[in-house]
Amino acid sequence: MNNKVGIFWFAENTLVFKAQSAIDLKPDQLGFIDSTLQHQVEWEDNNIYQLFGLMLDNTDYYNFPRGRVFLMLIKIPHTYI
């Protein structure tokens, strides 16, 4: 299975997102795997919204609803019957 983590926005009725494979990322002490992607960099430097047909030049990344998708690893103890 290829689990992904990443960042997203909802702008102009469009879901704008970027994901990366979680397989190469390490979980934190609570078992969460989060993306190394940064909202500001992807929006303001890489203009990710253009990949989704949006012309939002000179807008700030924080002007639209945004969030992260992360993965939580759950360890289930073995049950013996």
Protein backbone atom coordinates (compact mmCIF):
# COMPACT_ATOMS: atom_id res chain seq x y z
CA MET A 1 0.00 0.00 0.00
CA ASN A 2 1.30 3.48 -0.87
CA ASN A 3 0.04 5.83 1.84
CA LYS A 4 0.40 9.52 1.17
CA VAL A 5 0.56 12.64 3.33
CA GLY A 6 0.44 16.24 2.24
CA ILE A 7 -1.09 19.68 2.26
CA PHE A 8 -4.22 21.18 0.73
CA TRP A 9 -6.30 24.33 0.22
CA PHE A 10 -9.87 24.97 -0.86
CA ALA A 11 -9.75 27.94 -3.22
CA GLU A 12 -12.30 29.15 -5.77
CA ASN A 13 -14.37 25.96 -5.25
CA THR A 14 -11.30 23.86 -6.11
CA LEU A 15 -9.33 21.42 -3.99
CA VAL A 16 -5.67 22.31 -4.47
CA PHE A 17 -3.28 19.74 -3.03
CA LYS A 18 0.19 18.23 -3.06
CA ALA A 19 1.00 14.83 -1.64
CA GLN A 20 4.10 12.78 -1.01
CA SER A 21 4.66 9.13 -0.20
CA ALA A 22 4.72 8.42 3.52
CA ILE A 23 7.02 5.44 3.10
CA ASP A 24 10.23 7.50 3.30
CA LEU A 25 9.10 9.61 6.26
CA LYS A 26 9.57 8.72 9.90
CA PRO A 27 6.82 8.90 12.51
CA ASP A 28 7.16 11.25 15.45
CA GLN A 29 7.07 10.03 19.07
CA LEU A 30 3.25 9.81 18.97
CA GLY A 31 3.18 7.73 15.79
CA PHE A 32 2.15 10.52 13.38
CA ILE A 33 3.71 10.80 9.95
CA ASP A 34 3.46 14.33 8.56
CA SER A 35 4.52 15.81 5.27
CA THR A 36 7.64 17.92 4.93
CA LEU A 37 5.74 20.16 2.46
CA GLN A 38 5.13 23.76 3.52
CA HIS A 39 2.03 25.76 2.61
CA GLN A 40 3.85 29.05 2.10
CA VAL A 41 6.52 27.57 -0.18
CA GLU A 42 4.10 25.64 -2.37
CA TRP A 43 1.65 28.54 -2.72
CA GLU A 44 3.87 31.60 -2.93
CA ASP A 45 7.09 30.20 -4.45
CA ASN A 46 5.89 27.25 -6.54
CA ASN A 47 2.44 28.64 -7.48
CA ILE A 48 0.80 25.24 -7.01
CA TYR A 49 -2.65 26.68 -7.73
CA GLN A 50 -1.66 27.08 -11.40
CA LEU A 51 -1.58 23.27 -11.74
CA PHE A 52 -5.31 23.35 -10.97
CA GLY A 53 -6.16 26.04 -13.51
CA LEU A 54 -6.36 28.86 -10.99
CA MET A 55 -4.86 32.28 -11.60
CA LEU A 56 -4.33 33.50 -8.05
CA ASP A 57 -1.06 35.38 -8.46
CA ASN A 58 -0.24 37.82 -5.67
CA THR A 59 -2.48 36.03 -3.16
CA ASP A 60 -1.24 34.82 0.19
CA TYR A 61 -1.42 31.14 1.09
CA TYR A 62 -3.27 31.89 4.33
CA ASN A 63 -6.22 33.63 2.62
CA PHE A 64 -7.85 30.30 1.76
CA PRO A 65 -8.93 27.41 3.99
CA ARG A 66 -6.02 24.99 4.24
CA GLY A 67 -4.89 21.92 6.10
CA ARG A 68 -2.71 18.85 6.27
CA VAL A 69 -3.30 15.16 5.73
CA PHE A 70 -1.17 13.00 7.96
CA LEU A 71 -0.94 9.33 8.81
CA MET A 72 -1.13 7.83 12.26
CA LEU A 73 0.50 4.50 12.91
CA ILE A 74 -1.38 2.36 15.39
CA LYS A 75 0.29 -0.58 17.05
CA ILE A 76 -2.18 -3.31 17.89
CA PRO A 77 -0.89 -5.73 20.48
CA HIS A 78 -1.10 -9.41 19.67
CA THR A 79 -4.07 -11.13 21.22
CA TYR A 80 -3.75 -14.75 22.17
CA ILE A 81 -6.82 -16.88 22.59
